[in-house]
Amino acid sequence: MPDLRFDGRAAVITGAGRGLGRAYALLLAAKGAKVVVNDPGAAMSGDGTDPGPADGVVREIEAAGGEAVANHDSVATPEGGQRIVATALDRYGRIDILIHNAGNHRPAPLAEMTYADFDAVLDVHLRGAFHVVRPAFPAMRDAGYGRVVLTSSIGGLYGNGRVANYAAAKAGITGLSNVVALEGAACGVTCNVVVPAAVTRMAAGLDTSAYPPMDPDLAAPAVGWLAHESCSVTGEMLVAIAGRIARAFVAETPGVHRPSWTIEQVGEDIAAIRDTGDPWILPVVPSAHDDHISRSFAMARAEGGPATGEGSGRRAGQSL
C-alpha cells in the first residue's frame, strides 16, 4: 500500500495539546496536513486555561518541518466552536478533517453527582462535538469533501461506575456521528467514531503497572485512517486499545413476533427474544433506520399482520 499522506489537507483537532489529541496532531502533521491545534489548556475537570499545551504542540510540529496554528477556544460554547473552525478557514482557506477529541472528567457516584458536573461534561464531550461539527459541516458539504472523527469511549458503549455524565455524553456521540454520516453521504463527507484507550492524564490515580503498552501513539493510526481520503467506511465505530483495533457495532436479535402480547408471554419468550444466534447488523449508511422498520414490518406481515408497504412506517419529516 502506498504511503497515506495528507498533503494539502487542513485538519482541526480539538483537545490536541496533550495525550491522544497531541498524538493525532503530530501524526497528521508529519504526513503533510496543516493542523489547527485546539486546546484551552484546562485542568482535567475543565477548569482554568493555559495556552502552553497547544502552543507547545505547534512548536513541535514546526520544529519537525510541519505547519500548524494554535487555537485556545473552548468547545463548550457555540461561539468557541465557531472560532475553532474559523481558525482553519481563515488560516488555510479550508477544513478537510475534523477530529473532536476534547474532553473533561468529573467522576462521582450517581447518587452524589451534581447537575453542574453532569452538564460540564456534556458541554465538552457531546455539545462540544456539535459546536464544532455544526460550523464545519457546511464548509465540507460545499467543498464536496470532509472527514469527521468523533470520540466515544468504552464507558459510552458499556458504562462504568462513577461516570454517568461521561457515559451519557460518549453514548450520545454515536447518535450524532450517525446523523453526520447519513447527511454527509451525498456530498463526500464521512463521519466515524473512534473508541480509544491510552494511558494519559485521565489515568491519574490508577495503578497501571500491569497494563500492556498503551501509549497514545498506538491509537493514532486508527484515527489517521478514518481521517484519510482513502477511508472506505462511514457511520461506523473503531475501537483502539493496547495495539488492538476492532469494529464495534449495534446489532439486534431477530426477536419474536406476536399479533398481541401479555406480560406473561414476554417472560415465556424471553430466551428466544434474546437469542443472538442470527443477529441483524444494519449499516447506518445507507439505510439502517428504514431497514429496521422494513424488517420489523415484514415479520408482522409474515405472521398475518396488516399489509403495509416496505418502509411505510416512515414518511418525510417523521422519525421512529
Protein backbone atom coordinates (compact mmCIF):
# COMPACT_ATOMS: atom_id res chain seq x y z
CA MET A 1 0.00 0.00 0.00
CA PRO A 2 1.34 3.46 -0.82
CA ASP A 3 2.21 5.89 1.94
CA LEU A 4 -1.02 7.57 3.03
CA ARG A 5 -0.43 11.30 3.30
CA PHE A 6 -2.45 14.44 3.96
CA ASP A 7 -0.66 16.93 1.73
CA GLY A 8 -2.89 19.93 1.01
CA ARG A 9 -5.40 18.96 3.70
CA ALA A 10 -6.35 21.15 6.66
CA ALA A 11 -7.26 19.44 9.92
CA VAL A 12 -8.86 20.72 13.10
CA ILE A 13 -8.14 18.62 16.18
CA THR A 14 -9.77 19.57 19.47
CA GLY A 15 -8.07 18.75 22.75
CA ALA A 16 -4.80 18.42 20.86
CA GLY A 17 -2.46 19.85 23.47
CA ARG A 18 -1.93 16.61 25.34
CA GLY A 19 -2.46 12.85 25.21
CA LEU A 20 -4.40 11.35 22.34
CA GLY A 21 -5.10 14.66 20.61
CA ARG A 22 -1.42 15.56 20.60
CA ALA A 23 -0.60 12.17 19.05
CA TYR A 24 -3.19 12.74 16.32
CA ALA A 25 -1.86 16.21 15.58
CA LEU A 26 1.76 15.09 15.36
CA LEU A 27 0.88 12.14 13.11
CA LEU A 28 -1.23 14.11 10.65
CA ALA A 29 1.26 16.97 10.53
CA ALA A 30 4.13 14.54 9.91
CA LYS A 31 2.19 13.28 6.91
CA GLY A 32 1.62 16.71 5.42
CA ALA A 33 -1.56 18.06 7.00
CA LYS A 34 -1.89 21.65 8.10
CA VAL A 35 -3.20 21.40 11.63
CA VAL A 36 -5.25 23.63 13.91
CA VAL A 37 -4.15 22.53 17.37
CA ASN A 38 -7.06 23.40 19.61
CA ASP A 39 -6.72 23.24 23.37
CA PRO A 40 -7.66 25.78 26.05
CA GLY A 41 -5.22 24.07 28.42
CA ALA A 42 -7.82 23.36 31.08
CA ALA A 43 -7.42 21.04 34.03
CA MET A 44 -8.97 17.58 33.78
CA SER A 45 -12.11 18.95 35.41
CA GLY A 46 -12.36 21.54 32.65
CA ASP A 47 -11.43 24.44 34.90
CA GLY A 48 -8.78 27.04 34.12
CA THR A 49 -6.84 27.85 30.97
CA ASP A 50 -3.24 27.58 29.85
CA PRO A 51 -2.06 28.30 26.29
CA GLY A 52 1.09 26.26 26.88
CA PRO A 53 -0.08 22.80 25.75
CA ALA A 54 -1.45 23.91 22.37
CA ASP A 55 1.45 26.27 21.75
CA GLY A 56 3.92 23.53 22.64
CA VAL A 57 2.44 21.09 20.12
CA VAL A 58 2.59 23.77 17.42
CA ARG A 59 6.27 24.27 18.19
CA GLU A 60 6.86 20.51 17.95
CA ILE A 61 5.16 20.38 14.56
CA GLU A 62 7.02 23.39 13.23
CA ALA A 63 10.37 22.08 14.51
CA ALA A 64 9.74 18.91 12.50
CA GLY A 65 9.04 20.93 9.35
CA GLY A 66 5.26 20.87 9.53
CA GLU A 67 2.63 23.60 9.57
CA ALA A 68 0.26 24.30 12.44
CA VAL A 69 -1.54 27.05 14.29
CA ALA A 70 -2.78 27.08 17.88
CA ASN A 71 -6.32 27.86 18.97
CA HIS A 72 -7.23 28.22 22.65
CA ASP A 73 -11.02 28.40 22.48
CA SER A 74 -13.25 26.01 24.39
CA VAL A 75 -15.58 23.67 22.54
CA ALA A 76 -18.08 24.06 25.39
CA THR A 77 -19.83 27.03 23.76
CA PRO A 78 -21.22 27.58 20.28
CA GLU A 79 -19.05 30.67 19.91
CA GLY A 80 -15.93 28.72 20.85
CA GLY A 81 -16.73 26.02 18.31
CA GLN A 82 -17.28 28.59 15.60
CA ARG A 83 -13.95 30.28 16.33
CA ILE A 84 -12.12 26.95 16.26
CA VAL A 85 -13.44 26.13 12.79
CA ALA A 86 -12.94 29.72 11.63
CA THR A 87 -9.25 29.40 12.55
CA ALA A 88 -8.86 26.74 9.85
CA LEU A 89 -10.92 28.61 7.29
CA ASP A 90 -9.14 31.92 7.92
CA ARG A 91 -5.63 30.48 8.07
CA TYR A 92 -5.83 27.73 5.45
CA GLY A 93 -8.95 28.58 3.46
CA ARG A 94 -10.47 25.16 4.05
CA ILE A 95 -11.32 22.44 6.55
CA ASP A 96 -10.96 18.88 5.31
CA ILE A 97 -10.68 16.99 8.59
CA LEU A 98 -12.36 17.47 11.95
CA ILE A 99 -11.31 15.32 14.89
CA HIS A 100 -13.20 16.06 18.10
CA ASN A 101 -11.08 14.74 20.93
CA ALA A 102 -11.54 17.39 23.64
CA GLY A 103 -12.71 16.07 26.96
CA ASN A 104 -13.02 16.65 30.67
CA HIS A 105 -13.67 14.33 33.59
CA ARG A 106 -15.75 14.88 36.73
CA PRO A 107 -16.38 11.45 38.27
CA ALA A 108 -18.78 10.90 41.15
CA PRO A 109 -21.20 8.19 42.31
CA LEU A 110 -24.59 8.52 40.67
CA ALA A 111 -26.31 9.41 43.96
CA GLU A 112 -23.82 12.22 44.55
CA MET A 113 -23.20 13.62 41.06
CA THR A 114 -24.18 17.26 40.82
CA TYR A 115 -26.14 18.74 37.97
CA ALA A 116 -23.25 21.13 37.39
CA ASP A 117 -20.82 18.22 36.94
CA PHE A 118 -23.24 16.43 34.62
CA ASP A 119 -23.69 19.49 32.42
CA ALA A 120 -19.99 20.41 32.43
CA VAL A 121 -19.03 17.04 30.95
CA LEU A 122 -21.84 17.04 28.37
CA ASP A 123 -20.84 20.59 27.39
CA VAL A 124 -17.35 19.49 26.35
CA HIS A 125 -17.85 15.96 25.03
CA LEU A 126 -21.30 15.92 23.42
CA ARG A 127 -22.39 19.51 22.98
CA GLY A 128 -18.76 20.28 22.15
CA ALA A 129 -18.94 17.82 19.29
CA PHE A 130 -21.99 19.62 17.92
CA HIS A 131 -20.38 23.01 18.47
CA VAL A 132 -17.56 22.13 16.05
CA VAL A 133 -19.47 19.86 13.67
CA ARG A 134 -22.18 22.45 13.11
CA PRO A 135 -19.89 25.12 11.56
CA ALA A 136 -17.55 22.60 9.91
CA PHE A 137 -20.20 20.55 8.10
CA PRO A 138 -21.49 23.26 5.73
CA ALA A 139 -17.93 24.09 4.66
CA MET A 140 -17.22 20.42 3.99
CA ARG A 141 -20.55 19.95 2.20
CA ASP A 142 -19.91 22.92 -0.06
CA ALA A 143 -16.40 21.64 -0.84
CA GLY A 144 -17.73 18.15 -1.59
CA TYR A 145 -15.27 16.56 0.81
CA GLY A 146 -14.77 16.01 4.53
CA ARG A 147 -13.63 13.54 7.14
CA VAL A 148 -15.17 13.80 10.62
CA VAL A 149 -13.95 11.65 13.51
CA LEU A 150 -15.76 11.88 16.83
CA THR A 151 -14.57 10.28 20.05
CA SER A 152 -16.58 7.88 22.18
CA SER A 153 -15.38 5.54 24.92
CA ILE A 154 -15.90 2.06 26.27
CA GLY A 155 -17.66 3.96 29.05
CA GLY A 156 -20.16 5.12 26.44
CA LEU A 157 -20.52 1.63 24.98
CA TYR A 158 -20.68 -0.37 28.20
CA GLY A 159 -20.89 2.08 31.10
CA ASN A 160 -18.69 2.23 34.18
CA GLY A 161 -19.05 3.22 37.78
CA ARG A 162 -18.95 6.88 38.85
CA VAL A 163 -19.17 8.29 35.31
CA ALA A 164 -22.86 8.79 34.49
CA ASN A 165 -22.05 12.16 32.89
CA TYR A 166 -19.16 10.83 30.81
CA ALA A 167 -21.00 7.66 29.76
CA ALA A 168 -24.10 9.58 28.69
CA ALA A 169 -22.02 12.06 26.68
CA LYS A 170 -19.99 9.37 24.96
CA ALA A 171 -23.08 7.32 24.10
CA GLY A 172 -24.66 10.42 22.55
CA ILE A 173 -21.62 10.86 20.30
CA THR A 174 -22.62 7.72 18.40
CA GLY A 175 -26.06 9.07 17.50
CA LEU A 176 -24.59 12.39 16.37
CA SER A 177 -21.99 10.63 14.25
CA ASN A 178 -24.65 8.51 12.54
CA VAL A 179 -26.60 11.60 11.51
CA VAL A 180 -23.49 13.33 10.18
CA ALA A 181 -22.67 10.17 8.20
CA LEU A 182 -26.17 9.97 6.74
CA GLU A 183 -26.39 13.63 5.79
CA GLY A 184 -22.81 13.67 4.53
CA ALA A 185 -23.11 10.62 2.29
CA ALA A 186 -24.37 12.59 -0.69
CA CYS A 187 -21.62 15.21 -0.51
CA GLY A 188 -18.42 13.29 0.12
CA VAL A 189 -18.37 13.72 3.91
CA THR A 190 -17.74 10.67 6.07
CA CYS A 191 -18.18 10.52 9.83
CA ASN A 192 -16.98 7.77 12.11
CA VAL A 193 -16.39 7.22 15.81
CA VAL A 194 -13.14 6.20 17.43
CA VAL A 195 -13.26 4.43 20.80
CA PRO A 196 -9.67 4.85 22.02
CA ALA A 197 -7.92 3.89 25.22
CA ALA A 198 -4.49 5.12 26.27
CA VAL A 199 -2.61 5.93 29.43
CA THR A 200 -2.99 9.71 29.64
CA ARG A 201 -3.58 12.16 32.47
CA MET A 202 -7.12 10.77 32.78
CA ALA A 203 -5.48 7.66 34.25
CA ALA A 204 -4.00 9.65 37.13
CA GLY A 205 -4.51 7.75 40.37
CA LEU A 206 -4.92 4.35 38.68
CA ASP A 207 -2.40 1.56 39.10
CA THR A 208 -1.32 1.00 35.50
CA SER A 209 1.75 -1.07 36.32
CA ALA A 210 0.20 -4.26 34.93
CA TYR A 211 -1.11 -2.62 31.76
CA PRO A 212 0.39 -3.56 28.39
CA PRO A 213 1.83 -0.69 26.33
CA MET A 214 -0.94 1.88 25.89
CA ASP A 215 0.75 4.99 24.58
CA PRO A 216 -1.47 7.41 22.64
CA ASP A 217 0.68 6.70 19.58
CA LEU A 218 -0.84 3.20 19.41
CA ALA A 219 -4.33 4.62 18.84
CA ALA A 220 -3.34 7.39 16.45
CA PRO A 221 -3.12 5.31 13.23
CA ALA A 222 -6.77 4.23 13.51
CA VAL A 223 -7.79 7.88 13.70
CA GLY A 224 -5.39 8.72 10.87
CA TRP A 225 -7.05 6.18 8.59
CA LEU A 226 -10.56 7.40 9.46
CA ALA A 227 -9.36 10.92 8.64
CA HIS A 228 -7.77 9.95 5.32
CA GLU A 229 -9.31 10.30 1.87
CA SER A 230 -8.96 6.52 1.39
CA CYS A 231 -11.28 5.81 4.35
CA SER A 232 -13.87 3.42 2.95
CA VAL A 233 -16.39 3.38 5.81
CA THR A 234 -18.83 5.84 7.32
CA GLY A 235 -21.21 5.60 10.24
CA GLU A 236 -19.01 3.05 11.99
CA MET A 237 -17.04 2.73 15.22
CA LEU A 238 -13.42 1.61 15.54
CA VAL A 239 -12.01 0.56 18.90
CA ALA A 240 -8.29 1.14 19.52
CA ILE A 241 -6.84 -0.21 22.77
CA ALA A 242 -3.38 -1.54 23.62
CA GLY A 243 -2.50 -2.26 19.98
CA ARG A 244 -5.86 -3.89 19.17
CA ILE A 245 -8.09 -2.27 16.55
CA ALA A 246 -11.60 -3.65 16.15
CA ARG A 247 -15.04 -2.68 14.96
CA ALA A 248 -17.81 -2.09 17.48
CA PHE A 249 -21.36 -2.18 16.22
CA VAL A 250 -25.00 -2.23 17.22
CA ALA A 251 -26.95 -5.38 16.44
CA GLU A 252 -30.44 -6.69 17.11
CA THR A 253 -31.74 -10.18 17.57
CA PRO A 254 -34.48 -11.08 15.09
CA GLY A 255 -36.77 -11.37 18.09
CA VAL A 256 -40.24 -12.84 18.24
CA HIS A 257 -43.42 -11.52 16.64
CA ARG A 258 -46.91 -11.94 18.05
CA PRO A 259 -50.01 -10.02 16.94
CA SER A 260 -50.56 -9.19 20.60
CA TRP A 261 -48.66 -9.71 23.85
CA THR A 262 -49.22 -10.24 27.51
CA ILE A 263 -46.63 -9.69 30.20
CA GLU A 264 -46.57 -13.44 30.77
CA GLN A 265 -45.85 -14.14 27.10
CA VAL A 266 -42.85 -11.80 27.13
CA GLY A 267 -41.48 -13.83 30.03
CA GLU A 268 -42.19 -17.13 28.26
CA ASP A 269 -40.44 -15.98 25.07
CA ILE A 270 -37.56 -14.06 26.63
CA ALA A 271 -34.94 -16.68 25.72
CA ALA A 272 -35.93 -16.51 22.03
CA ILE A 273 -36.22 -12.73 22.17
CA ARG A 274 -32.64 -12.53 23.46
CA ASP A 275 -31.17 -15.22 21.17
CA THR A 276 -28.15 -13.69 19.42
CA GLY A 277 -27.52 -16.63 17.09
CA ASP A 278 -28.67 -14.82 13.93
CA PRO A 279 -28.22 -11.10 14.57
CA TRP A 280 -29.34 -8.20 12.43
CA ILE A 281 -26.41 -5.87 11.71
CA LEU A 282 -27.83 -2.86 9.91
CA PRO A 283 -25.29 -0.46 8.35
CA VAL A 284 -26.07 3.13 9.26
CA VAL A 285 -25.41 4.25 5.69
CA PRO A 286 -27.34 3.94 3.51
CA SER A 287 -30.49 2.88 5.34
CA ALA A 288 -30.31 1.22 8.77
CA HIS A 289 -33.19 3.32 10.06
CA ASP A 290 -35.51 2.24 7.25
CA ASP A 291 -34.17 -1.32 7.18
CA HIS A 292 -35.00 -1.71 10.87
CA ILE A 293 -38.59 -0.67 10.21
CA SER A 294 -38.96 -2.68 6.99
CA ARG A 295 -37.67 -5.90 8.53
CA SER A 296 -39.87 -5.48 11.57
CA PHE A 297 -42.92 -4.85 9.39
CA ALA A 298 -42.02 -7.85 7.20
CA MET A 299 -42.16 -10.10 10.27
CA ALA A 300 -45.59 -8.71 11.10
CA ARG A 301 -46.82 -9.38 7.56
CA ALA A 302 -45.39 -12.88 7.59
CA GLU A 303 -47.31 -13.60 10.77
CA GLY A 304 -50.55 -12.37 9.29
CA GLY A 305 -50.37 -8.73 10.35
CA PRO A 306 -51.86 -5.92 8.26
CA ALA A 307 -50.34 -5.41 4.84
CA THR A 308 -48.04 -2.38 4.79
CA GLY A 309 -45.58 -1.27 2.13
CA GLU A 310 -41.83 -1.59 2.61
CA GLY A 311 -40.65 1.26 4.75
CA SER A 312 -44.20 2.58 5.14
CA GLY A 313 -43.60 3.32 8.80
CA ARG A 314 -41.56 6.36 7.84
CA ARG A 315 -42.56 9.46 5.93
CA ALA A 316 -40.69 12.67 5.23
CA GLY A 317 -40.30 14.61 8.44
CA GLN A 318 -41.18 11.62 10.63
CA SER A 319 -38.90 9.54 12.81
CA LEU A 320 -39.43 6.27 14.60
